[in-house]
N, C-alpha and C. Protein backbone atom coordinates (compact mmCIF):
# COMPACT_ATOMS: atom_id res chain seq x y z
N MET A 1 0.82 -1.26 0.07
CA MET A 1 0.13 -0.26 0.26
C MET A 1 1.19 1.33 0.27
N ASN A 2 0.51 1.79 -1.13
CA ASN A 2 1.70 3.07 -1.18
C ASN A 2 0.81 4.40 -1.46
N ILE A 3 0.72 5.23 -0.58
CA ILE A 3 -0.32 6.45 -0.85
C ILE A 3 0.62 7.72 -0.98
N PHE A 4 0.56 8.57 -1.99
CA PHE A 4 1.27 9.60 -1.83
C PHE A 4 2.92 9.53 -1.63
N GLY A 5 3.01 8.05 -1.87
CA GLY A 5 4.69 8.12 -1.71
C GLY A 5 5.32 7.35 -0.44
N ILE A 6 3.83 7.34 0.66
CA ILE A 6 4.09 7.14 1.78
C ILE A 6 3.43 5.89 2.00
N GLY A 7 4.76 4.60 2.77
CA GLY A 7 4.40 3.27 2.77
C GLY A 7 3.40 3.01 3.88
N LEU A 8 3.16 1.53 4.09
CA LEU A 8 2.72 1.21 5.61
C LEU A 8 3.36 1.86 6.96
N PRO A 9 4.76 1.70 6.78
CA PRO A 9 5.68 1.47 8.10
C PRO A 9 5.29 3.57 8.09
N GLU A 10 5.70 4.41 7.55
CA GLU A 10 5.45 5.95 7.68
C GLU A 10 4.15 5.94 7.81
N MET A 11 3.23 5.77 7.46
CA MET A 11 1.91 6.10 7.90
C MET A 11 1.27 5.42 9.16
N ALA A 12 2.24 4.15 9.81
CA ALA A 12 2.03 3.80 11.18
C ALA A 12 2.94 5.05 12.39
N VAL A 13 3.88 5.70 11.60
CA VAL A 13 4.63 6.28 12.48
C VAL A 13 4.15 7.99 12.81
N ILE A 14 3.35 8.15 11.47
CA ILE A 14 2.62 9.29 11.39
C ILE A 14 1.29 9.28 12.45
N ALA A 15 0.73 8.09 12.26
CA ALA A 15 -0.37 7.61 12.94
C ALA A 15 -0.10 7.90 14.67
N ALA A 16 0.89 7.44 15.45
CA ALA A 16 1.48 7.05 16.59
C ALA A 16 1.75 8.48 17.01
N ILE A 17 2.51 9.38 15.96
CA ILE A 17 2.93 10.99 16.47
C ILE A 17 1.41 11.37 16.71
N GLY A 18 0.43 11.64 15.80
CA GLY A 18 -0.94 12.13 15.89
C GLY A 18 -1.62 11.85 17.29
N LEU A 19 -1.38 10.40 17.45
CA LEU A 19 -1.75 9.99 18.82
C LEU A 19 -1.38 10.53 20.04
N LEU A 20 -0.15 10.54 20.23
CA LEU A 20 0.59 11.12 21.29
C LEU A 20 0.15 13.04 21.22
N VAL A 21 0.44 13.58 20.16
CA VAL A 21 0.19 14.97 20.00
C VAL A 21 -1.43 15.35 20.50
N PHE A 22 -2.23 14.91 19.62
CA PHE A 22 -3.35 15.10 20.13
C PHE A 22 -4.45 14.12 20.91
N GLY A 23 -3.75 13.15 21.33
CA GLY A 23 -4.55 11.97 22.37
C GLY A 23 -5.78 11.27 21.51
N PRO A 24 -6.12 10.35 22.25
CA PRO A 24 -7.16 9.71 21.66
C PRO A 24 -8.06 9.94 21.27
N LYS A 25 -8.97 11.08 21.98
CA LYS A 25 -10.54 11.51 21.74
C LYS A 25 -10.14 12.43 21.10
N ARG A 26 -9.37 13.26 20.38
CA ARG A 26 -9.40 14.53 19.37
C ARG A 26 -8.95 13.88 18.05
N LEU A 27 -8.20 12.53 18.48
CA LEU A 27 -7.39 11.99 16.43
C LEU A 27 -9.20 11.76 15.96
N PRO A 28 -9.86 10.91 16.35
CA PRO A 28 -11.21 10.46 15.27
C PRO A 28 -12.15 11.82 14.71
N GLU A 29 -12.45 13.03 15.89
CA GLU A 29 -12.44 14.12 15.34
C GLU A 29 -11.60 14.85 14.21
N LEU A 30 -10.49 14.88 14.30
CA LEU A 30 -9.49 15.31 13.64
C LEU A 30 -9.55 14.58 12.50
N GLY A 31 -9.78 13.65 12.22
CA GLY A 31 -9.77 12.49 10.92
C GLY A 31 -11.45 12.67 10.37
N LYS A 32 -12.22 13.44 10.96
CA LYS A 32 -13.73 13.63 10.20
C LYS A 32 -13.43 14.93 9.90
N THR A 33 -12.81 15.75 10.53
CA THR A 33 -12.75 16.87 9.97
C THR A 33 -11.67 17.78 8.56
N LEU A 34 -10.75 16.60 8.50
CA LEU A 34 -10.03 16.53 7.90
C LEU A 34 -10.55 15.90 6.24
N GLY A 35 -11.50 14.59 6.60
CA GLY A 35 -12.48 14.05 5.72
C GLY A 35 -13.46 15.06 4.68
N ARG A 36 -14.00 15.49 5.65
CA ARG A 36 -15.17 16.53 5.10
C ARG A 36 -14.34 17.90 4.36
N THR A 37 -12.97 18.44 4.96
CA THR A 37 -12.41 19.54 4.08
C THR A 37 -11.89 18.80 2.86
N LEU A 38 -11.41 17.77 2.74
CA LEU A 38 -10.95 16.97 1.45
C LEU A 38 -12.00 16.97 0.56
N LYS A 39 -13.24 16.50 1.03
CA LYS A 39 -14.52 16.14 0.24
C LYS A 39 -15.01 17.57 -0.42
N GLY A 40 -14.85 18.61 0.74
CA GLY A 40 -15.31 20.00 0.07
C GLY A 40 -14.32 20.37 -1.18
N PHE A 41 -13.04 20.29 -0.75
CA PHE A 41 -12.24 20.45 -1.87
C PHE A 41 -12.61 19.98 -3.19
N GLN A 42 -12.94 18.57 -3.32
CA GLN A 42 -13.46 17.63 -4.38
C GLN A 42 -14.34 18.15 -4.97
N SER A 43 -15.35 18.57 -4.08
CA SER A 43 -16.98 19.11 -4.90
C SER A 43 -16.42 20.83 -5.55
N ALA A 44 -15.93 21.42 -4.82
CA ALA A 44 -15.63 22.25 -5.26
C ALA A 44 -14.52 22.59 -6.90
N SER A 45 -13.43 21.55 -6.58
CA SER A 45 -13.06 21.06 -7.96
C SER A 45 -13.98 20.79 -9.12
N ARG A 46 -14.99 19.97 -8.43
CA ARG A 46 -15.52 19.39 -9.63
C ARG A 46 -16.69 20.85 -10.36
N ASP A 47 -17.13 21.24 -9.35
CA ASP A 47 -18.14 22.43 -9.74
C ASP A 47 -17.20 23.15 -10.84
N PHE A 48 -16.24 23.72 -10.40
CA PHE A 48 -15.00 24.46 -10.81
C PHE A 48 -14.87 23.98 -12.28
N GLU A 49 -14.60 22.53 -12.33
CA GLU A 49 -14.36 22.12 -13.63
C GLU A 49 -15.46 21.99 -14.84
N GLN A 50 -16.62 21.97 -14.04
CA GLN A 50 -17.92 21.76 -15.09
C GLN A 50 -18.29 23.22 -15.25
N GLU A 51 -18.27 24.28 -14.45
CA GLU A 51 -18.37 25.46 -14.83
C GLU A 51 -17.45 25.78 -15.85
N PHE A 52 -16.13 25.49 -16.07
CA PHE A 52 -15.36 25.96 -17.11
C PHE A 52 -15.60 24.86 -18.30
N ARG A 53 -16.10 23.83 -18.39
CA ARG A 53 -16.74 23.20 -19.76
C ARG A 53 -17.60 23.84 -19.86
N ARG A 54 -18.61 24.47 -18.96
CA ARG A 54 -19.91 25.28 -19.68
C ARG A 54 -19.43 26.46 -20.77
N ALA A 55 -18.38 26.89 -19.99
CA ALA A 55 -18.31 28.30 -20.77
C ALA A 55 -17.18 27.77 -21.90
N ILE A 56 -16.57 26.63 -22.01
CA ILE A 56 -15.75 26.63 -23.11
C ILE A 56 -16.88 26.21 -24.12
N GLU A 57 -18.06 25.25 -23.92
CA GLU A 57 -18.84 24.83 -24.66
C GLU A 57 -19.83 26.36 -25.23
N THR A 58 -20.13 26.97 -24.23
CA THR A 58 -21.02 28.37 -24.69
C THR A 58 -19.89 29.12 -25.55
N GLU A 59 -18.79 29.41 -25.36
CA GLU A 59 -17.77 30.47 -26.40
C GLU A 59 -17.37 29.67 -27.74
N SER A 60 -17.18 28.17 -27.78
CA SER A 60 -17.44 27.80 -29.14
C SER A 60 -18.78 27.73 -30.00
N VAL A 61 -19.87 27.63 -29.25
CA VAL A 61 -21.22 27.82 -30.26
C VAL A 61 -21.15 29.21 -30.37
N THR A 62 -20.99 30.23 -29.59
CA THR A 62 -20.81 31.50 -29.91
C THR A 62 -20.18 32.24 -31.29
N ALA A 63 -18.49 31.19 -31.18
CA ALA A 63 -17.87 31.53 -32.14
C ALA A 63 -18.45 31.17 -33.40
N GLU A 64 -18.98 29.64 -33.19
CA GLU A 64 -19.37 29.06 -34.69
C GLU A 64 -20.45 29.98 -35.25
N THR A 65 -21.57 30.48 -34.04
CA THR A 65 -22.38 31.09 -34.83
C THR A 65 -22.09 32.58 -35.34
N VAL A 66 -20.91 33.03 -34.64
CA VAL A 66 -20.54 34.55 -35.28
C VAL A 66 -20.06 34.27 -36.56
N SER A 67 -19.23 33.05 -36.73
CA SER A 67 -18.29 32.81 -37.92
C SER A 67 -19.50 32.62 -39.32
N SER A 68 -20.47 31.67 -38.50
CA SER A 68 -21.50 31.58 -39.46
C SER A 68 -22.19 32.57 -40.18
N GLU A 69 -22.77 33.94 -39.28
CA GLU A 69 -23.61 35.00 -39.57
C GLU A 69 -22.43 35.62 -40.65
N THR A 70 -21.14 35.75 -40.10
CA THR A 70 -19.91 36.30 -40.81
C THR A 70 -19.87 35.81 -42.37
N LEU A 71 -20.26 34.67 -42.58
CA LEU A 71 -19.85 33.87 -43.78
C LEU A 71 -21.34 34.19 -44.55
N VAL A 72 -22.40 34.25 -44.03
CA VAL A 72 -23.82 34.69 -44.49
C VAL A 72 -23.71 36.49 -45.01
N SER A 73 -23.44 37.14 -44.36
CA SER A 73 -22.73 38.82 -44.52
C SER A 73 -22.10 38.63 -45.44
N ALA A 74 -21.09 38.28 -45.88
CA ALA A 74 -20.16 38.15 -46.79
C ALA A 74 -20.76 37.18 -47.94
N GLU A 75 -21.39 36.46 -48.10
CA GLU A 75 -22.27 35.81 -49.39
C GLU A 75 -22.91 37.20 -50.02
N VAL A 76 -24.11 37.80 -49.21
CA VAL A 76 -24.98 38.62 -49.37
C VAL A 76 -24.16 39.74 -49.78
N ALA A 77 -23.20 40.04 -49.36
CA ALA A 77 -22.21 41.96 -49.97
C ALA A 77 -21.13 40.98 -51.10
N VAL A 78 -21.13 40.12 -51.49
CA VAL A 78 -20.73 39.29 -52.91
C VAL A 78 -21.43 39.48 -53.50
N THR A 79 -22.84 38.91 -53.46
CA THR A 79 -23.80 38.74 -54.28
C THR A 79 -24.55 40.15 -54.75
N GLU A 80 -24.51 41.11 -53.47
CA GLU A 80 -25.41 42.50 -53.84
C GLU A 80 -24.00 43.17 -54.60
N THR A 81 -22.64 43.04 -54.61
CA THR A 81 -21.89 43.37 -55.46
C THR A 81 -21.60 42.49 -56.87
N VAL A 82 -21.71 41.99 -57.06
CA VAL A 82 -21.90 41.11 -58.08
C VAL A 82 -23.36 41.75 -59.31
N ALA A 83 -24.26 41.75 -58.64
CA ALA A 83 -25.44 42.33 -59.45
C ALA A 83 -25.46 43.50 -59.61
N THR A 84 -24.46 44.42 -58.92
CA THR A 84 -24.43 45.66 -59.30
C THR A 84 -23.10 46.14 -60.20
N ASP A 85 -22.31 45.28 -60.32
CA ASP A 85 -21.33 45.43 -60.91
C ASP A 85 -21.32 44.96 -63.07
N SER A 86 -22.46 44.19 -62.53
CA SER A 86 -22.69 42.68 -64.08
C SER A 86 -23.03 43.73 -65.26
N PRO A 87 -22.35 43.47 -66.09
CA PRO A 87 -22.68 44.55 -67.41
C PRO A 87 -24.10 44.57 -68.12
N ALA A 88 -25.01 43.78 -67.12
CA ALA A 88 -26.79 43.30 -67.72
C ALA A 88 -27.05 45.14 -66.95
N SER A 89 -26.35 45.08 -65.54
CA SER A 89 -26.92 46.42 -65.32
C SER A 89 -26.42 47.64 -65.62
N GLN A 90 -25.22 48.09 -66.24
CA GLN A 90 -24.77 48.67 -66.63
C GLN A 90 -25.00 49.61 -68.13
N GLN A 91 -25.35 48.38 -68.73
CA GLN A 91 -26.17 48.86 -70.06
C GLN A 91 -27.24 49.60 -70.47
N PRO A 92 -27.46 50.89 -71.24
CA PRO A 92 -28.29 51.42 -71.20
C PRO A 92 -29.78 50.94 -71.33
N ALA A 93 -31.00 50.70 -71.32
CA ALA A 93 -32.00 50.44 -71.05
C ALA A 93 -32.37 50.48 -72.82
N ALA A 94 -32.94 49.51 -73.14
CA ALA A 94 -33.25 49.40 -74.67
C ALA A 94 -34.50 50.23 -74.97
N PRO A 95 -34.66 50.99 -76.06
CA PRO A 95 -35.66 52.14 -76.17
C PRO A 95 -37.09 51.34 -76.28
N SER A 96 -38.14 51.80 -75.95
CA SER A 96 -39.32 50.92 -75.91
C SER A 96 -39.56 50.95 -77.47
N ALA A 97 -40.58 50.00 -77.74
CA ALA A 97 -41.67 50.00 -79.29
C ALA A 97 -42.23 51.58 -79.41
N ALA A 98 -42.93 51.97 -78.23
CA ALA A 98 -43.62 53.53 -78.59
C ALA A 98 -43.01 54.61 -79.06
N SER A 99 -41.77 54.52 -78.63
CA SER A 99 -40.55 55.64 -78.53
C SER A 99 -40.13 55.45 -80.24
N GLU A 100 -40.20 54.48 -80.91
CA GLU A 100 -39.42 54.18 -82.00
C GLU A 100 -40.14 54.29 -83.23
N SER A 101 -41.81 54.51 -82.93
CA SER A 101 -42.32 54.64 -83.84
C SER A 101 -42.54 55.86 -84.11
N PRO A 102 -42.69 56.77 -85.48
CA PRO A 102 -42.67 58.12 -85.83
C PRO A 102 -43.85 58.69 -85.47
N PRO A 103 -43.86 59.61 -85.15
CA PRO A 103 -45.15 60.70 -84.64
C PRO A 103 -45.73 60.89 -85.85
N ALA A 104 -46.88 61.01 -85.86
CA ALA A 104 -47.80 61.26 -86.85
C ALA A 104 -48.76 62.37 -87.14
């Protein structure tokens, strides 16, 4: 058994020192407090990770929406430019049949 690079003999020595320093009545209380603290850190870490992932997903969706809107705007601008610059739109209108007939 190797936890954080600490083997069983080292853990026994740490437990014995803790028992001598804190006494048999306070040691279980300190263990519970340490366990709750670690559980709180895990919970906060998990919440932070979920919030971070949500922010990344929201940002990527926003970036995709902006890029697709930009693409549509660019296509519309190109279409309008092509329509106004085409040779058909620059030629003068053909005279109508009524203006070609001689006056009576």
